[in-house]
Amino acid sequence: TEETMQGPLWIELAKQDPEVFWRTHEDLLAAL
């Protein structure tokens, strides 16, 4: 898989919650 979490939405989410990328990746792995 290749995840590209870029752009204004992800930048704002990362400002509010720096672990959002890690948790999103973990959720993907758990679902798979």
PDB file of all heavy atoms in Angstrom:
ATOM      1  N   THR A   1       0.849  -1.196   0.000  1.00  0.00           N
ATOM      2  CA  THR A   1       0.000   0.000   0.000  1.00  0.00           C
ATOM      3  C   THR A   1       0.880   1.239   0.000  1.00  0.00           C
ATOM      4  O   THR A   1       2.011   1.224   0.480  1.00  0.00           O
ATOM      5  CB  THR A   1      -0.933   0.059   1.227  1.00  0.00           C
ATOM      6  OG1 THR A   1      -0.139   0.167   2.411  1.00  0.00           O
ATOM      7  CG2 THR A   1      -1.826  -1.152   1.304  1.00  0.00           C
ATOM      8  N   GLU A   2       0.348   2.299  -0.517  1.00  0.00           N
ATOM      9  CA  GLU A   2       1.026   3.587  -0.458  1.00  0.00           C
ATOM     10  C   GLU A   2       0.012   4.601   0.039  1.00  0.00           C
ATOM     11  O   GLU A   2      -1.050   4.781  -0.559  1.00  0.00           O
ATOM     12  CB  GLU A   2       1.535   3.997  -1.843  1.00  0.00           C
ATOM     13  CG  GLU A   2       2.234   5.333  -1.831  1.00  0.00           C
ATOM     14  CD  GLU A   2       2.747   5.735  -3.192  1.00  0.00           C
ATOM     15  OE1 GLU A   2       2.960   4.871  -4.035  1.00  0.00           O
ATOM     16  OE2 GLU A   2       2.910   6.948  -3.403  1.00  0.00           O
ATOM     17  N   GLU A   3       0.340   5.201   1.151  1.00  0.00           N
ATOM     18  CA  GLU A   3      -0.563   6.197   1.707  1.00  0.00           C
ATOM     19  C   GLU A   3       0.020   7.577   1.451  1.00  0.00           C
ATOM     20  O   GLU A   3       1.187   7.825   1.713  1.00  0.00           O
ATOM     21  CB  GLU A   3      -0.755   5.981   3.208  1.00  0.00           C
ATOM     22  CG  GLU A   3      -1.459   4.678   3.502  1.00  0.00           C
ATOM     23  CD  GLU A   3      -0.782   3.907   4.617  1.00  0.00           C
ATOM     24  OE1 GLU A   3       0.277   4.336   5.086  1.00  0.00           O
ATOM     25  OE2 GLU A   3      -1.309   2.865   4.979  1.00  0.00           O
ATOM     26  N   THR A   4      -0.790   8.459   0.931  1.00  0.00           N
ATOM     27  CA  THR A   4      -0.347   9.824   0.689  1.00  0.00           C
ATOM     28  C   THR A   4      -1.281  10.752   1.437  1.00  0.00           C
ATOM     29  O   THR A   4      -2.327  11.132   0.942  1.00  0.00           O
ATOM     30  CB  THR A   4      -0.340  10.153  -0.816  1.00  0.00           C
ATOM     31  OG1 THR A   4      -1.636   9.872  -1.344  1.00  0.00           O
ATOM     32  CG2 THR A   4       0.697   9.355  -1.561  1.00  0.00           C
ATOM     33  N   MET A   5      -0.898  11.062   2.640  1.00  0.00           N
ATOM     34  CA  MET A   5      -1.707  11.930   3.485  1.00  0.00           C
ATOM     35  C   MET A   5      -1.099  13.323   3.404  1.00  0.00           C
ATOM     36  O   MET A   5      -0.267  13.699   4.215  1.00  0.00           O
ATOM     37  CB  MET A   5      -1.737  11.406   4.911  1.00  0.00           C
ATOM     38  CG  MET A   5      -2.352  10.050   5.018  1.00  0.00           C
ATOM     39  SD  MET A   5      -2.204   9.455   6.686  1.00  0.00           S
ATOM     40  CE  MET A   5      -2.906   7.838   6.515  1.00  0.00           C
ATOM     41  N   GLN A   6      -1.522  14.052   2.377  1.00  0.00           N
ATOM     42  CA  GLN A   6      -0.991  15.374   2.134  1.00  0.00           C
ATOM     43  C   GLN A   6      -2.153  16.327   1.916  1.00  0.00           C
ATOM     44  O   GLN A   6      -3.285  15.914   1.782  1.00  0.00           O
ATOM     45  CB  GLN A   6      -0.084  15.364   0.909  1.00  0.00           C
ATOM     46  CG  GLN A   6       1.080  14.415   1.033  1.00  0.00           C
ATOM     47  CD  GLN A   6       1.875  14.331  -0.259  1.00  0.00           C
ATOM     48  OE1 GLN A   6       1.648  15.075  -1.201  1.00  0.00           O
ATOM     49  NE2 GLN A   6       2.806  13.407  -0.299  1.00  0.00           N
ATOM     50  N   GLY A   7      -1.854  17.586   1.876  1.00  0.00           N
ATOM     51  CA  GLY A   7      -2.871  18.581   1.594  1.00  0.00           C
ATOM     52  C   GLY A   7      -3.395  19.255   2.848  1.00  0.00           C
ATOM     53  O   GLY A   7      -3.082  18.859   3.973  1.00  0.00           O
ATOM     54  N   PRO A   8      -4.208  20.261   2.679  1.00  0.00           N
ATOM     55  CA  PRO A   8      -4.677  21.087   3.789  1.00  0.00           C
ATOM     56  C   PRO A   8      -5.419  20.301   4.879  1.00  0.00           C
ATOM     57  O   PRO A   8      -5.233  20.573   6.066  1.00  0.00           O
ATOM     58  CB  PRO A   8      -5.614  22.106   3.138  1.00  0.00           C
ATOM     59  CG  PRO A   8      -5.307  22.069   1.685  1.00  0.00           C
ATOM     60  CD  PRO A   8      -4.712  20.743   1.389  1.00  0.00           C
ATOM     61  N   LEU A   9      -6.256  19.356   4.504  1.00  0.00           N
ATOM     62  CA  LEU A   9      -7.011  18.592   5.506  1.00  0.00           C
ATOM     63  C   LEU A   9      -6.071  17.867   6.457  1.00  0.00           C
ATOM     64  O   LEU A   9      -6.193  17.965   7.674  1.00  0.00           O
ATOM     65  CB  LEU A   9      -7.942  17.590   4.829  1.00  0.00           C
ATOM     66  CG  LEU A   9      -8.632  16.609   5.786  1.00  0.00           C
ATOM     67  CD1 LEU A   9      -9.571  17.346   6.740  1.00  0.00           C
ATOM     68  CD2 LEU A   9      -9.360  15.540   5.028  1.00  0.00           C
ATOM     69  N   TRP A  10      -5.112  17.126   5.899  1.00  0.00           N
ATOM     70  CA  TRP A  10      -4.197  16.353   6.741  1.00  0.00           C
ATOM     71  C   TRP A  10      -3.278  17.250   7.550  1.00  0.00           C
ATOM     72  O   TRP A  10      -2.934  16.932   8.689  1.00  0.00           O
ATOM     73  CB  TRP A  10      -3.397  15.369   5.889  1.00  0.00           C
ATOM     74  CG  TRP A  10      -4.248  14.236   5.457  1.00  0.00           C
ATOM     75  CD1 TRP A  10      -4.756  14.015   4.212  1.00  0.00           C
ATOM     76  CD2 TRP A  10      -4.740  13.165   6.276  1.00  0.00           C
ATOM     77  NE1 TRP A  10      -5.520  12.871   4.208  1.00  0.00           N
ATOM     78  CE2 TRP A  10      -5.521  12.336   5.463  1.00  0.00           C
ATOM     79  CE3 TRP A  10      -4.586  12.825   7.618  1.00  0.00           C
ATOM     80  CZ2 TRP A  10      -6.155  11.196   5.936  1.00  0.00           C
ATOM     81  CZ3 TRP A  10      -5.218  11.682   8.089  1.00  0.00           C
ATOM     82  CH2 TRP A  10      -5.988  10.887   7.253  1.00  0.00           C
ATOM     83  N   ILE A  11      -2.878  18.391   6.997  1.00  0.00           N
ATOM     84  CA  ILE A  11      -2.031  19.333   7.744  1.00  0.00           C
ATOM     85  C   ILE A  11      -2.782  19.850   8.962  1.00  0.00           C
ATOM     86  O   ILE A  11      -2.249  19.887  10.072  1.00  0.00           O
ATOM     87  CB  ILE A  11      -1.566  20.487   6.830  1.00  0.00           C
ATOM     88  CG1 ILE A  11      -0.584  19.933   5.784  1.00  0.00           C
ATOM     89  CG2 ILE A  11      -0.925  21.602   7.646  1.00  0.00           C
ATOM     90  CD1 ILE A  11      -0.242  20.913   4.683  1.00  0.00           C
ATOM     91  N   GLU A  12      -4.042  20.208   8.779  1.00  0.00           N
ATOM     92  CA  GLU A  12      -4.842  20.694   9.911  1.00  0.00           C
ATOM     93  C   GLU A  12      -5.096  19.588  10.936  1.00  0.00           C
ATOM     94  O   GLU A  12      -5.043  19.826  12.136  1.00  0.00           O
ATOM     95  CB  GLU A  12      -6.166  21.295   9.416  1.00  0.00           C
ATOM     96  CG  GLU A  12      -5.996  22.610   8.706  1.00  0.00           C
ATOM     97  CD  GLU A  12      -5.251  23.647   9.548  1.00  0.00           C
ATOM     98  OE1 GLU A  12      -5.580  23.834  10.744  1.00  0.00           O
ATOM     99  OE2 GLU A  12      -4.313  24.260   9.008  1.00  0.00           O
ATOM    100  N   LEU A  13      -5.372  18.380  10.464  1.00  0.00           N
ATOM    101  CA  LEU A  13      -5.572  17.269  11.389  1.00  0.00           C
ATOM    102  C   LEU A  13      -4.311  17.002  12.200  1.00  0.00           C
ATOM    103  O   LEU A  13      -4.373  16.745  13.409  1.00  0.00           O
ATOM    104  CB  LEU A  13      -5.983  16.011  10.631  1.00  0.00           C
ATOM    105  CG  LEU A  13      -7.397  15.971  10.087  1.00  0.00           C
ATOM    106  CD1 LEU A  13      -7.588  14.728   9.227  1.00  0.00           C
ATOM    107  CD2 LEU A  13      -8.409  15.996  11.217  1.00  0.00           C
ATOM    108  N   ALA A  14      -3.155  17.072  11.549  1.00  0.00           N
ATOM    109  CA  ALA A  14      -1.889  16.825  12.239  1.00  0.00           C
ATOM    110  C   ALA A  14      -1.604  17.902  13.280  1.00  0.00           C
ATOM    111  O   ALA A  14      -1.035  17.614  14.332  1.00  0.00           O
ATOM    112  CB  ALA A  14      -0.749  16.746  11.232  1.00  0.00           C
ATOM    113  N   LYS A  15      -2.018  19.129  13.008  1.00  0.00           N
ATOM    114  CA  LYS A  15      -1.837  20.194  14.001  1.00  0.00           C
ATOM    115  C   LYS A  15      -2.669  19.916  15.245  1.00  0.00           C
ATOM    116  O   LYS A  15      -2.212  20.132  16.364  1.00  0.00           O
ATOM    117  CB  LYS A  15      -2.246  21.552  13.409  1.00  0.00           C
ATOM    118  CG  LYS A  15      -1.269  22.105  12.410  1.00  0.00           C
ATOM    119  CD  LYS A  15      -1.793  23.421  11.868  1.00  0.00           C
ATOM    120  CE  LYS A  15      -0.935  23.964  10.760  1.00  0.00           C
ATOM    121  NZ  LYS A  15      -1.505  25.200  10.187  1.00  0.00           N
ATOM    122  N   GLN A  16      -3.885  19.431  15.054  1.00  0.00           N
ATOM    123  CA  GLN A  16      -4.781  19.141  16.169  1.00  0.00           C
ATOM    124  C   GLN A  16      -4.385  17.863  16.888  1.00  0.00           C
ATOM    125  O   GLN A  16      -4.580  17.737  18.092  1.00  0.00           O
ATOM    126  CB  GLN A  16      -6.222  19.023  15.671  1.00  0.00           C
ATOM    127  CG  GLN A  16      -6.759  20.289  15.058  1.00  0.00           C
ATOM    128  CD  GLN A  16      -8.078  20.047  14.338  1.00  0.00           C
ATOM    129  OE1 GLN A  16      -8.809  19.140  14.655  1.00  0.00           O
ATOM    130  NE2 GLN A  16      -8.354  20.869  13.342  1.00  0.00           N
ATOM    131  N   ASP A  17      -3.871  16.889  16.141  1.00  0.00           N
ATOM    132  CA  ASP A  17      -3.566  15.568  16.694  1.00  0.00           C
ATOM    133  C   ASP A  17      -2.379  14.976  15.940  1.00  0.00           C
ATOM    134  O   ASP A  17      -2.558  14.347  14.908  1.00  0.00           O
ATOM    135  CB  ASP A  17      -4.796  14.665  16.567  1.00  0.00           C
ATOM    136  CG  ASP A  17      -4.598  13.308  17.192  1.00  0.00           C
ATOM    137  OD1 ASP A  17      -3.505  13.029  17.722  1.00  0.00           O
ATOM    138  OD2 ASP A  17      -5.541  12.511  17.141  1.00  0.00           O
ATOM    139  N   PRO A  18      -1.160  15.155  16.459  1.00  0.00           N
ATOM    140  CA  PRO A  18       0.033  14.693  15.743  1.00  0.00           C
ATOM    141  C   PRO A  18       0.060  13.187  15.459  1.00  0.00           C
ATOM    142  O   PRO A  18       0.769  12.756  14.566  1.00  0.00           O
ATOM    143  CB  PRO A  18       1.182  15.084  16.670  1.00  0.00           C
ATOM    144  CG  PRO A  18       0.640  16.165  17.524  1.00  0.00           C
ATOM    145  CD  PRO A  18      -0.831  15.877  17.661  1.00  0.00           C
ATOM    146  N   GLU A  19      -0.694  12.380  16.171  1.00  0.00           N
ATOM    147  CA  GLU A  19      -0.685  10.937  15.961  1.00  0.00           C
ATOM    148  C   GLU A  19      -1.745  10.454  14.974  1.00  0.00           C
ATOM    149  O   GLU A  19      -1.928   9.253  14.787  1.00  0.00           O
ATOM    150  CB  GLU A  19      -0.854  10.218  17.299  1.00  0.00           C
ATOM    151  CG  GLU A  19       0.331  10.437  18.225  1.00  0.00           C
ATOM    152  CD  GLU A  19       0.217   9.623  19.490  1.00  0.00           C
ATOM    153  OE1 GLU A  19      -0.789   8.922  19.678  1.00  0.00           O
ATOM    154  OE2 GLU A  19       1.149   9.686  20.289  1.00  0.00           O
ATOM    155  N   VAL A  20      -2.429  11.372  14.302  1.00  0.00           N
ATOM    156  CA  VAL A  20      -3.516  10.995  13.398  1.00  0.00           C
ATOM    157  C   VAL A  20      -3.022  10.095  12.259  1.00  0.00           C
ATOM    158  O   VAL A  20      -3.706   9.156  11.872  1.00  0.00           O
ATOM    159  CB  VAL A  20      -4.270  12.226  12.858  1.00  0.00           C
ATOM    160  CG1 VAL A  20      -3.423  13.033  11.894  1.00  0.00           C
ATOM    161  CG2 VAL A  20      -5.576  11.817  12.205  1.00  0.00           C
ATOM    162  N   PHE A  21      -1.831  10.355  11.753  1.00  0.00           N
ATOM    163  CA  PHE A  21      -1.309   9.526  10.661  1.00  0.00           C
ATOM    164  C   PHE A  21      -1.071   8.101  11.133  1.00  0.00           C
ATOM    165  O   PHE A  21      -1.441   7.140  10.480  1.00  0.00           O
ATOM    166  CB  PHE A  21       0.001  10.108  10.116  1.00  0.00           C
ATOM    167  CG  PHE A  21      -0.153  11.475   9.519  1.00  0.00           C
ATOM    168  CD1 PHE A  21       0.482  12.561  10.089  1.00  0.00           C
ATOM    169  CD2 PHE A  21      -0.926  11.675   8.386  1.00  0.00           C
ATOM    170  CE1 PHE A  21       0.346  13.822   9.540  1.00  0.00           C
ATOM    171  CE2 PHE A  21      -1.063  12.928   7.834  1.00  0.00           C
ATOM    172  CZ  PHE A  21      -0.425  14.007   8.412  1.00  0.00           C
ATOM    173  N   TRP A  22      -0.425   7.972  12.280  1.00  0.00           N
ATOM    174  CA  TRP A  22      -0.122   6.646  12.837  1.00  0.00           C
ATOM    175  C   TRP A  22      -1.406   5.873  13.109  1.00  0.00           C
ATOM    176  O   TRP A  22      -1.526   4.713  12.743  1.00  0.00           O
ATOM    177  CB  TRP A  22       0.704   6.796  14.121  1.00  0.00           C
ATOM    178  CG  TRP A  22       1.001   5.500  14.760  1.00  0.00           C
ATOM    179  CD1 TRP A  22       1.999   4.625  14.426  1.00  0.00           C
ATOM    180  CD2 TRP A  22       0.292   4.888  15.831  1.00  0.00           C
ATOM    181  NE1 TRP A  22       1.959   3.516  15.227  1.00  0.00           N
ATOM    182  CE2 TRP A  22       0.905   3.655  16.103  1.00  0.00           C
ATOM    183  CE3 TRP A  22      -0.811   5.267  16.600  1.00  0.00           C
ATOM    184  CZ2 TRP A  22       0.455   2.798  17.095  1.00  0.00           C
ATOM    185  CZ3 TRP A  22      -1.249   4.404  17.591  1.00  0.00           C
ATOM    186  CH2 TRP A  22      -0.614   3.199  17.824  1.00  0.00           C
ATOM    187  N   ARG A  23      -2.392   6.520  13.752  1.00  0.00           N
ATOM    188  CA  ARG A  23      -3.651   5.834  14.063  1.00  0.00           C
ATOM    189  C   ARG A  23      -4.406   5.441  12.805  1.00  0.00           C
ATOM    190  O   ARG A  23      -5.000   4.362  12.733  1.00  0.00           O
ATOM    191  CB  ARG A  23      -4.525   6.702  14.967  1.00  0.00           C
ATOM    192  CG  ARG A  23      -4.164   6.600  16.424  1.00  0.00           C
ATOM    193  CD  ARG A  23      -5.262   7.090  17.355  1.00  0.00           C
ATOM    194  NE  ARG A  23      -6.001   8.229  16.840  1.00  0.00           N
ATOM    195  CZ  ARG A  23      -5.578   9.496  16.924  1.00  0.00           C
ATOM    196  NH1 ARG A  23      -4.445   9.786  17.491  1.00  0.00           N
ATOM    197  NH2 ARG A  23      -6.303  10.465  16.431  1.00  0.00           N
ATOM    198  N   THR A  24      -4.396   6.289  11.788  1.00  0.00           N
ATOM    199  CA  THR A  24      -5.057   5.967  10.533  1.00  0.00           C
ATOM    200  C   THR A  24      -4.408   4.740   9.898  1.00  0.00           C
ATOM    201  O   THR A  24      -5.100   3.838   9.416  1.00  0.00           O
ATOM    202  CB  THR A  24      -4.998   7.165   9.563  1.00  0.00           C
ATOM    203  OG1 THR A  24      -5.632   8.289  10.185  1.00  0.00           O
ATOM    204  CG2 THR A  24      -5.673   6.864   8.253  1.00  0.00           C
ATOM    205  N   HIS A  25      -3.087   4.676   9.925  1.00  0.00           N
ATOM    206  CA  HIS A  25      -2.374   3.517   9.391  1.00  0.00           C
ATOM    207  C   HIS A  25      -2.701   2.259  10.192  1.00  0.00           C
ATOM    208  O   HIS A  25      -2.954   1.190   9.620  1.00  0.00           O
ATOM    209  CB  HIS A  25      -0.867   3.782   9.423  1.00  0.00           C
ATOM    210  CG  HIS A  25      -0.057   2.665   8.868  1.00  0.00           C
ATOM    211  ND1 HIS A  25       0.046   2.420   7.516  1.00  0.00           N
ATOM    212  CD2 HIS A  25       0.676   1.714   9.476  1.00  0.00           C
ATOM    213  CE1 HIS A  25       0.809   1.367   7.328  1.00  0.00           C
ATOM    214  NE2 HIS A  25       1.210   0.916   8.492  1.00  0.00           N
ATOM    215  N   GLU A  26      -2.727   2.366  11.519  1.00  0.00           N
ATOM    216  CA  GLU A  26      -3.063   1.220  12.373  1.00  0.00           C
ATOM    217  C   GLU A  26      -4.490   0.737  12.123  1.00  0.00           C
ATOM    218  O   GLU A  26      -4.750  -0.471  12.115  1.00  0.00           O
ATOM    219  CB  GLU A  26      -2.871   1.578  13.847  1.00  0.00           C
ATOM    220  CG  GLU A  26      -1.423   1.766  14.242  1.00  0.00           C
ATOM    221  CD  GLU A  26      -0.606   0.497  14.064  1.00  0.00           C
ATOM    222  OE1 GLU A  26      -0.986  -0.542  14.615  1.00  0.00           O
ATOM    223  OE2 GLU A  26       0.426   0.565  13.361  1.00  0.00           O
ATOM    224  N   ASP A  27      -5.418   1.671  11.918  1.00  0.00           N
ATOM    225  CA  ASP A  27      -6.804   1.295  11.601  1.00  0.00           C
ATOM    226  C   ASP A  27      -6.878   0.535  10.282  1.00  0.00           C
ATOM    227  O   ASP A  27      -7.608  -0.452  10.157  1.00  0.00           O
ATOM    228  CB  ASP A  27      -7.703   2.534  11.537  1.00  0.00           C
ATOM    229  CG  ASP A  27      -7.947   3.164  12.897  1.00  0.00           C
ATOM    230  OD1 ASP A  27      -7.642   2.523  13.933  1.00  0.00           O
ATOM    231  OD2 ASP A  27      -8.434   4.310  12.927  1.00  0.00           O
ATOM    232  N   LEU A  28      -6.107   0.991   9.292  1.00  0.00           N
ATOM    233  CA  LEU A  28      -6.070   0.305   8.004  1.00  0.00           C
ATOM    234  C   LEU A  28      -5.548  -1.118   8.170  1.00  0.00           C
ATOM    235  O   LEU A  28      -6.142  -2.074   7.659  1.00  0.00           O
ATOM    236  CB  LEU A  28      -5.186   1.069   7.013  1.00  0.00           C
ATOM    237  CG  LEU A  28      -4.868   0.343   5.709  1.00  0.00           C
ATOM    238  CD1 LEU A  28      -6.123   0.131   4.872  1.00  0.00           C
ATOM    239  CD2 LEU A  28      -3.814   1.097   4.925  1.00  0.00           C
ATOM    240  N   LEU A  29      -4.450  -1.283   8.897  1.00  0.00           N
ATOM    241  CA  LEU A  29      -3.884  -2.616   9.106  1.00  0.00           C
ATOM    242  C   LEU A  29      -4.854  -3.530   9.854  1.00  0.00           C
ATOM    243  O   LEU A  29      -4.993  -4.708   9.512  1.00  0.00           O
ATOM    244  CB  LEU A  29      -2.561  -2.521   9.859  1.00  0.00           C
ATOM    245  CG  LEU A  29      -1.421  -1.841   9.109  1.00  0.00           C
ATOM    246  CD1 LEU A  29      -0.176  -1.792   9.996  1.00  0.00           C
ATOM    247  CD2 LEU A  29      -1.123  -2.525   7.796  1.00  0.00           C
ATOM    248  N   ALA A  30      -5.534  -3.000  10.860  1.00  0.00           N
ATOM    249  CA  ALA A  30      -6.498  -3.804  11.621  1.00  0.00           C
ATOM    250  C   ALA A  30      -7.658  -4.245  10.726  1.00  0.00           C
ATOM    251  O   ALA A  30      -8.109  -5.390  10.794  1.00  0.00           O
ATOM    252  CB  ALA A  30      -7.011  -3.014  12.822  1.00  0.00           C
ATOM    253  N   ALA A  31      -8.140  -3.348   9.868  1.00  0.00           N
ATOM    254  CA  ALA A  31      -9.242  -3.692   8.966  1.00  0.00           C
ATOM    255  C   ALA A  31      -8.809  -4.760   7.969  1.00  0.00           C
ATOM    256  O   ALA A  31      -9.564  -5.703   7.690  1.00  0.00           O
ATOM    257  CB  ALA A  31      -9.730  -2.439   8.232  1.00  0.00           C
ATOM    258  N   LEU A  32      -7.593  -4.642   7.436  1.00  0.00           N
ATOM    259  CA  LEU A  32      -7.085  -5.653   6.508  1.00  0.00           C
ATOM    260  C   LEU A  32      -6.931  -7.006   7.190  1.00  0.00           C
ATOM    261  O   LEU A  32      -7.273  -8.045   6.617  1.00  0.00           O
ATOM    262  CB  LEU A  32      -5.742  -5.217   5.918  1.00  0.00           C
ATOM    263  CG  LEU A  32      -5.800  -4.059   4.924  1.00  0.00           C
ATOM    264  CD1 LEU A  32      -4.383  -3.592   4.593  1.00  0.00           C
ATOM    265  CD2 LEU A  32      -6.553  -4.447   3.674  1.00  0.00           C
TER     266      LEU A  32
END
